[in-house]
Amino acid sequence: MSEVNLSVLVKDQYRERILEVVAALQADGMKVEQLMEQIGVIAGSIDSTKLAGIERIEGVSAVELAQGYQLEPPTSEIQ
């Protein structure tokens, strides 16, 4: 079990009720870290084993995993 960062896009018709969607996401185990009400996006993290359930929550349009990249240290052979 590992935690993944994600962004959740809220359906247009649920934007005025975005706090209800936030509550449902939190009830399913998502840690909400940022709420962008004007654009209908909720960012946070969740255990990877619970990820599939997020897409079935009423008001959720799409779920996108955060992309990460880490450079090698300056002392590595790749640099």
PDB file of N, CA and C in Angstrom:
ATOM      1  N   MET A   1       0.848  -1.187   0.000  1.00  0.00           N
ATOM      2  CA  MET A   1       0.000   0.000   0.000  1.00  0.00           C
ATOM      3  C   MET A   1       0.887   1.241   0.000  1.00  0.00           C
ATOM      4  N   SER A   2       0.722   2.059  -1.015  1.00  0.00           N
ATOM      5  CA  SER A   2       1.460   3.315  -1.069  1.00  0.00           C
ATOM      6  C   SER A   2       0.486   4.444  -1.362  1.00  0.00           C
ATOM      7  N   GLU A   3       0.876   5.599  -0.933  1.00  0.00           N
ATOM      8  CA  GLU A   3       0.024   6.767  -1.134  1.00  0.00           C
ATOM      9  C   GLU A   3       0.368   7.428  -2.461  1.00  0.00           C
ATOM     10  N   VAL A   4      -0.664   7.841  -3.187  1.00  0.00           N
ATOM     11  CA  VAL A   4      -0.474   8.511  -4.470  1.00  0.00           C
ATOM     12  C   VAL A   4      -1.115   9.896  -4.416  1.00  0.00           C
ATOM     13  N   ASN A   5      -0.505  10.831  -5.127  1.00  0.00           N
ATOM     14  CA  ASN A   5      -1.060  12.182  -5.243  1.00  0.00           C
ATOM     15  C   ASN A   5      -1.956  12.223  -6.471  1.00  0.00           C
ATOM     16  N   LEU A   6      -3.063  12.956  -6.356  1.00  0.00           N
ATOM     17  CA  LEU A   6      -4.000  12.999  -7.461  1.00  0.00           C
ATOM     18  C   LEU A   6      -4.766  14.306  -7.497  1.00  0.00           C
ATOM     19  N   SER A   7      -5.373  14.560  -8.651  1.00  0.00           N
ATOM     20  CA  SER A   7      -6.290  15.680  -8.835  1.00  0.00           C
ATOM     21  C   SER A   7      -7.620  15.105  -9.279  1.00  0.00           C
ATOM     22  N   VAL A   8      -8.690  15.639  -8.719  1.00  0.00           N
ATOM     23  CA  VAL A   8     -10.036  15.192  -9.047  1.00  0.00           C
ATOM     24  C   VAL A   8     -10.770  16.354  -9.704  1.00  0.00           C
ATOM     25  N   LEU A   9     -11.302  16.114 -10.889  1.00  0.00           N
ATOM     26  CA  LEU A   9     -12.091  17.117 -11.595  1.00  0.00           C
ATOM     27  C   LEU A   9     -13.560  16.886 -11.273  1.00  0.00           C
ATOM     28  N   VAL A  10     -14.230  17.944 -10.844  1.00  0.00           N
ATOM     29  CA  VAL A  10     -15.641  17.872 -10.457  1.00  0.00           C
ATOM     30  C   VAL A  10     -16.507  18.234 -11.662  1.00  0.00           C
ATOM     31  N   LYS A  11     -17.596  17.488 -11.846  1.00  0.00           N
ATOM     32  CA  LYS A  11     -18.535  17.780 -12.934  1.00  0.00           C
ATOM     33  C   LYS A  11     -19.084  19.194 -12.780  1.00  0.00           C
ATOM     34  N   ASP A  12     -19.317  19.862 -13.910  1.00  0.00           N
ATOM     35  CA  ASP A  12     -19.789  21.248 -13.902  1.00  0.00           C
ATOM     36  C   ASP A  12     -21.030  21.436 -13.032  1.00  0.00           C
ATOM     37  N   GLN A  13     -21.983  20.528 -13.124  1.00  0.00           N
ATOM     38  CA  GLN A  13     -23.230  20.689 -12.372  1.00  0.00           C
ATOM     39  C   GLN A  13     -23.044  20.498 -10.863  1.00  0.00           C
ATOM     40  N   TYR A  14     -21.847  20.061 -10.424  1.00  0.00           N
ATOM     41  CA  TYR A  14     -21.573  19.875  -8.996  1.00  0.00           C
ATOM     42  C   TYR A  14     -20.657  20.960  -8.425  1.00  0.00           C
ATOM     43  N   ARG A  15     -20.232  21.907  -9.244  1.00  0.00           N
ATOM     44  CA  ARG A  15     -19.293  22.927  -8.759  1.00  0.00           C
ATOM     45  C   ARG A  15     -19.850  23.744  -7.602  1.00  0.00           C
ATOM     46  N   GLU A  16     -21.135  24.027  -7.621  1.00  0.00           N
ATOM     47  CA  GLU A  16     -21.723  24.792  -6.516  1.00  0.00           C
ATOM     48  C   GLU A  16     -21.862  23.937  -5.262  1.00  0.00           C
ATOM     49  N   ARG A  17     -21.760  22.622  -5.428  1.00  0.00           N
ATOM     50  CA  ARG A  17     -21.850  21.693  -4.300  1.00  0.00           C
ATOM     51  C   ARG A  17     -20.519  20.973  -4.092  1.00  0.00           C
ATOM     52  N   ILE A  18     -19.424  21.655  -4.422  1.00  0.00           N
ATOM     53  CA  ILE A  18     -18.109  21.019  -4.390  1.00  0.00           C
ATOM     54  C   ILE A  18     -17.733  20.536  -2.982  1.00  0.00           C
ATOM     55  N   LEU A  19     -18.231  21.215  -1.958  1.00  0.00           N
ATOM     56  CA  LEU A  19     -17.916  20.784  -0.593  1.00  0.00           C
ATOM     57  C   LEU A  19     -18.537  19.427  -0.275  1.00  0.00           C
ATOM     58  N   GLU A  20     -19.660  19.108  -0.902  1.00  0.00           N
ATOM     59  CA  GLU A  20     -20.263  17.780  -0.737  1.00  0.00           C
ATOM     60  C   GLU A  20     -19.372  16.715  -1.377  1.00  0.00           C
ATOM     61  N   VAL A  21     -18.797  17.043  -2.519  1.00  0.00           N
ATOM     62  CA  VAL A  21     -17.883  16.115  -3.189  1.00  0.00           C
ATOM     63  C   VAL A  21     -16.632  15.930  -2.336  1.00  0.00           C
ATOM     64  N   VAL A  22     -16.119  17.018  -1.769  1.00  0.00           N
ATOM     65  CA  VAL A  22     -14.960  16.938  -0.877  1.00  0.00           C
ATOM     66  C   VAL A  22     -15.257  16.003   0.289  1.00  0.00           C
ATOM     67  N   ALA A  23     -16.414  16.156   0.909  1.00  0.00           N
ATOM     68  CA  ALA A  23     -16.789  15.311   2.050  1.00  0.00           C
ATOM     69  C   ALA A  23     -16.847  13.838   1.646  1.00  0.00           C
ATOM     70  N   ALA A  24     -17.390  13.551   0.470  1.00  0.00           N
ATOM     71  CA  ALA A  24     -17.467  12.165  -0.004  1.00  0.00           C
ATOM     72  C   ALA A  24     -16.075  11.598  -0.274  1.00  0.00           C
ATOM     73  N   LEU A  25     -15.192  12.419  -0.841  1.00  0.00           N
ATOM     74  CA  LEU A  25     -13.817  11.981  -1.094  1.00  0.00           C
ATOM     75  C   LEU A  25     -13.099  11.686   0.217  1.00  0.00           C
ATOM     76  N   GLN A  26     -13.266  12.561   1.190  1.00  0.00           N
ATOM     77  CA  GLN A  26     -12.638  12.354   2.490  1.00  0.00           C
ATOM     78  C   GLN A  26     -13.189  11.107   3.174  1.00  0.00           C
ATOM     79  N   ALA A  27     -14.470  10.859   3.039  1.00  0.00           N
ATOM     80  CA  ALA A  27     -15.077   9.662   3.627  1.00  0.00           C
ATOM     81  C   ALA A  27     -14.502   8.389   3.001  1.00  0.00           C
ATOM     82  N   ASP A  28     -14.059   8.483   1.750  1.00  0.00           N
ATOM     83  CA  ASP A  28     -13.434   7.339   1.075  1.00  0.00           C
ATOM     84  C   ASP A  28     -11.930   7.257   1.328  1.00  0.00           C
ATOM     85  N   GLY A  29     -11.391   8.170   2.134  1.00  0.00           N
ATOM     86  CA  GLY A  29      -9.990   8.084   2.520  1.00  0.00           C
ATOM     87  C   GLY A  29      -9.049   9.073   1.868  1.00  0.00           C
ATOM     88  N   MET A  30      -9.567   9.990   1.067  1.00  0.00           N
ATOM     89  CA  MET A  30      -8.691  10.975   0.429  1.00  0.00           C
ATOM     90  C   MET A  30      -8.342  12.079   1.412  1.00  0.00           C
ATOM     91  N   LYS A  31      -7.059  12.449   1.418  1.00  0.00           N
ATOM     92  CA  LYS A  31      -6.602  13.597   2.202  1.00  0.00           C
ATOM     93  C   LYS A  31      -6.593  14.795   1.254  1.00  0.00           C
ATOM     94  N   VAL A  32      -7.538  15.685   1.432  1.00  0.00           N
ATOM     95  CA  VAL A  32      -7.654  16.851   0.560  1.00  0.00           C
ATOM     96  C   VAL A  32      -6.644  17.898   1.007  1.00  0.00           C
ATOM     97  N   GLU A  33      -5.784  18.312   0.082  1.00  0.00           N
ATOM     98  CA  GLU A  33      -4.740  19.284   0.390  1.00  0.00           C
ATOM     99  C   GLU A  33      -4.991  20.638  -0.253  1.00  0.00           C
ATOM    100  N   GLN A  34      -5.759  20.649  -1.339  1.00  0.00           N
ATOM    101  CA  GLN A  34      -6.029  21.916  -2.021  1.00  0.00           C
ATOM    102  C   GLN A  34      -7.386  21.840  -2.708  1.00  0.00           C
ATOM    103  N   LEU A  35      -8.135  22.913  -2.581  1.00  0.00           N
ATOM    104  CA  LEU A  35      -9.453  23.003  -3.196  1.00  0.00           C
ATOM    105  C   LEU A  35      -9.476  24.227  -4.105  1.00  0.00           C
ATOM    106  N   MET A  36      -9.678  23.998  -5.394  1.00  0.00           N
ATOM    107  CA  MET A  36      -9.731  25.078  -6.374  1.00  0.00           C
ATOM    108  C   MET A  36     -11.168  25.175  -6.868  1.00  0.00           C
ATOM    109  N   GLU A  37     -11.990  25.854  -6.084  1.00  0.00           N
ATOM    110  CA  GLU A  37     -13.433  25.900  -6.333  1.00  0.00           C
ATOM    111  C   GLU A  37     -13.794  26.488  -7.691  1.00  0.00           C
ATOM    112  N   GLN A  38     -13.114  27.550  -8.097  1.00  0.00           N
ATOM    113  CA  GLN A  38     -13.483  28.238  -9.339  1.00  0.00           C
ATOM    114  C   GLN A  38     -13.306  27.371 -10.577  1.00  0.00           C
ATOM    115  N   ILE A  39     -12.341  26.468 -10.536  1.00  0.00           N
ATOM    116  CA  ILE A  39     -12.119  25.608 -11.705  1.00  0.00           C
ATOM    117  C   ILE A  39     -12.595  24.178 -11.466  1.00  0.00           C
ATOM    118  N   GLY A  40     -13.108  23.890 -10.284  1.00  0.00           N
ATOM    119  CA  GLY A  40     -13.675  22.578 -10.001  1.00  0.00           C
ATOM    120  C   GLY A  40     -12.666  21.465  -9.860  1.00  0.00           C
ATOM    121  N   VAL A  41     -11.533  21.758  -9.208  1.00  0.00           N
ATOM    122  CA  VAL A  41     -10.483  20.756  -9.022  1.00  0.00           C
ATOM    123  C   VAL A  41     -10.179  20.597  -7.539  1.00  0.00           C
ATOM    124  N   ILE A  42     -10.021  19.344  -7.135  1.00  0.00           N
ATOM    125  CA  ILE A  42      -9.657  19.003  -5.764  1.00  0.00           C
ATOM    126  C   ILE A  42      -8.361  18.208  -5.841  1.00  0.00           C
ATOM    127  N   ALA A  43      -7.335  18.633  -5.102  1.00  0.00           N
ATOM    128  CA  ALA A  43      -6.045  17.947  -5.120  1.00  0.00           C
ATOM    129  C   ALA A  43      -5.765  17.358  -3.748  1.00  0.00           C
ATOM    130  N   GLY A  44      -5.091  16.225  -3.756  1.00  0.00           N
ATOM    131  CA  GLY A  44      -4.755  15.589  -2.494  1.00  0.00           C
ATOM    132  C   GLY A  44      -4.053  14.267  -2.709  1.00  0.00           C
ATOM    133  N   SER A  45      -4.198  13.365  -1.728  1.00  0.00           N
ATOM    134  CA  SER A  45      -3.556  12.060  -1.809  1.00  0.00           C
ATOM    135  C   SER A  45      -4.477  10.997  -1.227  1.00  0.00           C
ATOM    136  N   ILE A  46      -4.206   9.755  -1.623  1.00  0.00           N
ATOM    137  CA  ILE A  46      -5.019   8.626  -1.157  1.00  0.00           C
ATOM    138  C   ILE A  46      -4.184   7.356  -1.262  1.00  0.00           C
ATOM    139  N   ASP A  47      -4.522   6.381  -0.456  1.00  0.00           N
ATOM    140  CA  ASP A  47      -3.881   5.078  -0.543  1.00  0.00           C
ATOM    141  C   ASP A  47      -4.213   4.479  -1.909  1.00  0.00           C
ATOM    142  N   SER A  48      -3.221   3.935  -2.569  1.00  0.00           N
ATOM    143  CA  SER A  48      -3.420   3.425  -3.931  1.00  0.00           C
ATOM    144  C   SER A  48      -4.474   2.319  -4.006  1.00  0.00           C
ATOM    145  N   THR A  49      -4.700   1.601  -2.919  1.00  0.00           N
ATOM    146  CA  THR A  49      -5.709   0.535  -2.931  1.00  0.00           C
ATOM    147  C   THR A  49      -7.131   1.085  -2.950  1.00  0.00           C
ATOM    148  N   LYS A  50      -7.303   2.360  -2.624  1.00  0.00           N
ATOM    149  CA  LYS A  50      -8.631   2.975  -2.594  1.00  0.00           C
ATOM    150  C   LYS A  50      -8.905   3.839  -3.823  1.00  0.00           C
ATOM    151  N   LEU A  51      -7.972   3.877  -4.736  1.00  0.00           N
ATOM    152  CA  LEU A  51      -8.059   4.762  -5.898  1.00  0.00           C
ATOM    153  C   LEU A  51      -9.261   4.462  -6.794  1.00  0.00           C
ATOM    154  N   ALA A  52      -9.563   3.210  -7.015  1.00  0.00           N
ATOM    155  CA  ALA A  52     -10.658   2.843  -7.923  1.00  0.00           C
ATOM    156  C   ALA A  52     -12.008   3.371  -7.445  1.00  0.00           C
ATOM    157  N   GLY A  53     -12.219   3.438  -6.156  1.00  0.00           N
ATOM    158  CA  GLY A  53     -13.493   3.902  -5.623  1.00  0.00           C
ATOM    159  C   GLY A  53     -13.743   5.381  -5.821  1.00  0.00           C
ATOM    160  N   ILE A  54     -12.695   6.153  -5.981  1.00  0.00           N
ATOM    161  CA  ILE A  54     -12.815   7.606  -6.132  1.00  0.00           C
ATOM    162  C   ILE A  54     -13.615   7.964  -7.385  1.00  0.00           C
ATOM    163  N   GLU A  55     -13.388   7.250  -8.470  1.00  0.00           N
ATOM    164  CA  GLU A  55     -14.058   7.565  -9.740  1.00  0.00           C
ATOM    165  C   GLU A  55     -15.564   7.336  -9.682  1.00  0.00           C
ATOM    166  N   ARG A  56     -16.027   6.527  -8.731  1.00  0.00           N
ATOM    167  CA  ARG A  56     -17.455   6.218  -8.635  1.00  0.00           C
ATOM    168  C   ARG A  56     -18.229   7.195  -7.750  1.00  0.00           C
ATOM    169  N   ILE A  57     -17.534   8.137  -7.148  1.00  0.00           N
ATOM    170  CA  ILE A  57     -18.201   9.100  -6.268  1.00  0.00           C
ATOM    171  C   ILE A  57     -19.033  10.065  -7.107  1.00  0.00           C
ATOM    172  N   GLU A  58     -20.234  10.321  -6.654  1.00  0.00           N
ATOM    173  CA  GLU A  58     -21.139  11.224  -7.371  1.00  0.00           C
ATOM    174  C   GLU A  58     -20.524  12.620  -7.458  1.00  0.00           C
ATOM    175  N   GLY A  59     -20.481  13.160  -8.663  1.00  0.00           N
ATOM    176  CA  GLY A  59     -19.932  14.492  -8.884  1.00  0.00           C
ATOM    177  C   GLY A  59     -18.521  14.481  -9.437  1.00  0.00           C
ATOM    178  N   VAL A  60     -17.860  13.320  -9.427  1.00  0.00           N
ATOM    179  CA  VAL A  60     -16.494  13.219  -9.942  1.00  0.00           C
ATOM    180  C   VAL A  60     -16.546  12.985 -11.447  1.00  0.00           C
ATOM    181  N   SER A  61     -15.852  13.852 -12.180  1.00  0.00           N
ATOM    182  CA  SER A  61     -15.795  13.739 -13.633  1.00  0.00           C
ATOM    183  C   SER A  61     -14.572  12.939 -14.078  1.00  0.00           C
ATOM    184  N   ALA A  62     -13.418  13.221 -13.460  1.00  0.00           N
ATOM    185  CA  ALA A  62     -12.177  12.547 -13.848  1.00  0.00           C
ATOM    186  C   ALA A  62     -11.195  12.559 -12.685  1.00  0.00           C
ATOM    187  N   VAL A  63     -10.303  11.571 -12.696  1.00  0.00           N
ATOM    188  CA  VAL A  63      -9.245  11.469 -11.690  1.00  0.00           C
ATOM    189  C   VAL A  63      -7.922  11.371 -12.435  1.00  0.00           C
ATOM    190  N   GLU A  64      -6.967  12.201 -12.033  1.00  0.00           N
ATOM    191  CA  GLU A  64      -5.665  12.194 -12.694  1.00  0.00           C
ATOM    192  C   GLU A  64      -4.574  12.056 -11.646  1.00  0.00           C
ATOM    193  N   LEU A  65      -3.700  11.071 -11.830  1.00  0.00           N
ATOM    194  CA  LEU A  65      -2.577  10.900 -10.919  1.00  0.00           C
ATOM    195  C   LEU A  65      -1.531  11.969 -11.204  1.00  0.00           C
ATOM    196  N   ALA A  66      -0.911  12.466 -10.146  1.00  0.00           N
ATOM    197  CA  ALA A  66       0.127  13.482 -10.297  1.00  0.00           C
ATOM    198  C   ALA A  66       1.375  12.845 -10.897  1.00  0.00           C
ATOM    199  N   GLN A  67       2.000  13.569 -11.786  1.00  0.00           N
ATOM    200  CA  GLN A  67       3.238  13.106 -12.394  1.00  0.00           C
ATOM    201  C   GLN A  67       4.412  13.639 -11.588  1.00  0.00           C
ATOM    202  N   GLY A  68       5.363  12.795 -11.324  1.00  0.00           N
ATOM    203  CA  GLY A  68       6.529  13.224 -10.558  1.00  0.00           C
ATOM    204  C   GLY A  68       7.810  12.924 -11.309  1.00  0.00           C
ATOM    205  N   TYR A  69       8.813  13.708 -11.019  1.00  0.00           N
ATOM    206  CA  TYR A  69      10.116  13.495 -11.624  1.00  0.00           C
ATOM    207  C   TYR A  69      11.169  13.932 -10.629  1.00  0.00           C
ATOM    208  N   GLN A  70      12.206  13.126 -10.497  1.00  0.00           N
ATOM    209  CA  GLN A  70      13.282  13.475  -9.581  1.00  0.00           C
ATOM    210  C   GLN A  70      14.608  13.362 -10.319  1.00  0.00           C
ATOM    211  N   LEU A  71      15.375  14.434 -10.285  1.00  0.00           N
ATOM    212  CA  LEU A  71      16.697  14.432 -10.906  1.00  0.00           C
ATOM    213  C   LEU A  71      17.669  13.626 -10.065  1.00  0.00           C
ATOM    214  N   GLU A  72      18.641  13.055 -10.738  1.00  0.00           N
ATOM    215  CA  GLU A  72      19.717  12.376 -10.025  1.00  0.00           C
ATOM    216  C   GLU A  72      20.562  13.433  -9.311  1.00  0.00           C
ATOM    217  N   PRO A  73      21.201  13.061  -8.206  1.00  0.00           N
ATOM    218  CA  PRO A  73      22.051  14.031  -7.503  1.00  0.00           C
ATOM    219  C   PRO A  73      23.212  14.480  -8.397  1.00  0.00           C
ATOM    220  N   PRO A  74      23.727  15.673  -8.158  1.00  0.00           N
ATOM    221  CA  PRO A  74      24.815  16.202  -8.990  1.00  0.00           C
ATOM    222  C   PRO A  74      26.054  15.307  -9.025  1.00  0.00           C
ATOM    223  N   THR A  75      26.229  14.488  -8.016  1.00  0.00           N
ATOM    224  CA  THR A  75      27.415  13.631  -7.960  1.00  0.00           C
ATOM    225  C   THR A  75      27.232  12.301  -8.683  1.00  0.00           C
ATOM    226  N   SER A  76      26.054  12.042  -9.217  1.00  0.00           N
ATOM    227  CA  SER A  76      25.825  10.756  -9.885  1.00  0.00           C
ATOM    228  C   SER A  76      26.503  10.738 -11.252  1.00  0.00           C
ATOM    229  N   GLU A  77      26.712   9.548 -11.780  1.00  0.00           N
ATOM    230  CA  GLU A  77      27.384   9.397 -13.069  1.00  0.00           C
ATOM    231  C   GLU A  77      26.549   9.939 -14.224  1.00  0.00           C
ATOM    232  N   ILE A  78      25.240  10.008 -14.054  1.00  0.00           N
ATOM    233  CA  ILE A  78      24.365  10.494 -15.121  1.00  0.00           C
ATOM    234  C   ILE A  78      24.570  11.985 -15.362  1.00  0.00           C
ATOM    235  N   GLN A  79      24.883  12.734 -14.336  1.00  0.00           N
ATOM    236  CA  GLN A  79      25.091  14.175 -14.478  1.00  0.00           C
ATOM    237  C   GLN A  79      26.358  14.382 -15.246  1.00  0.00           C
TER     238      GLN A  79
END
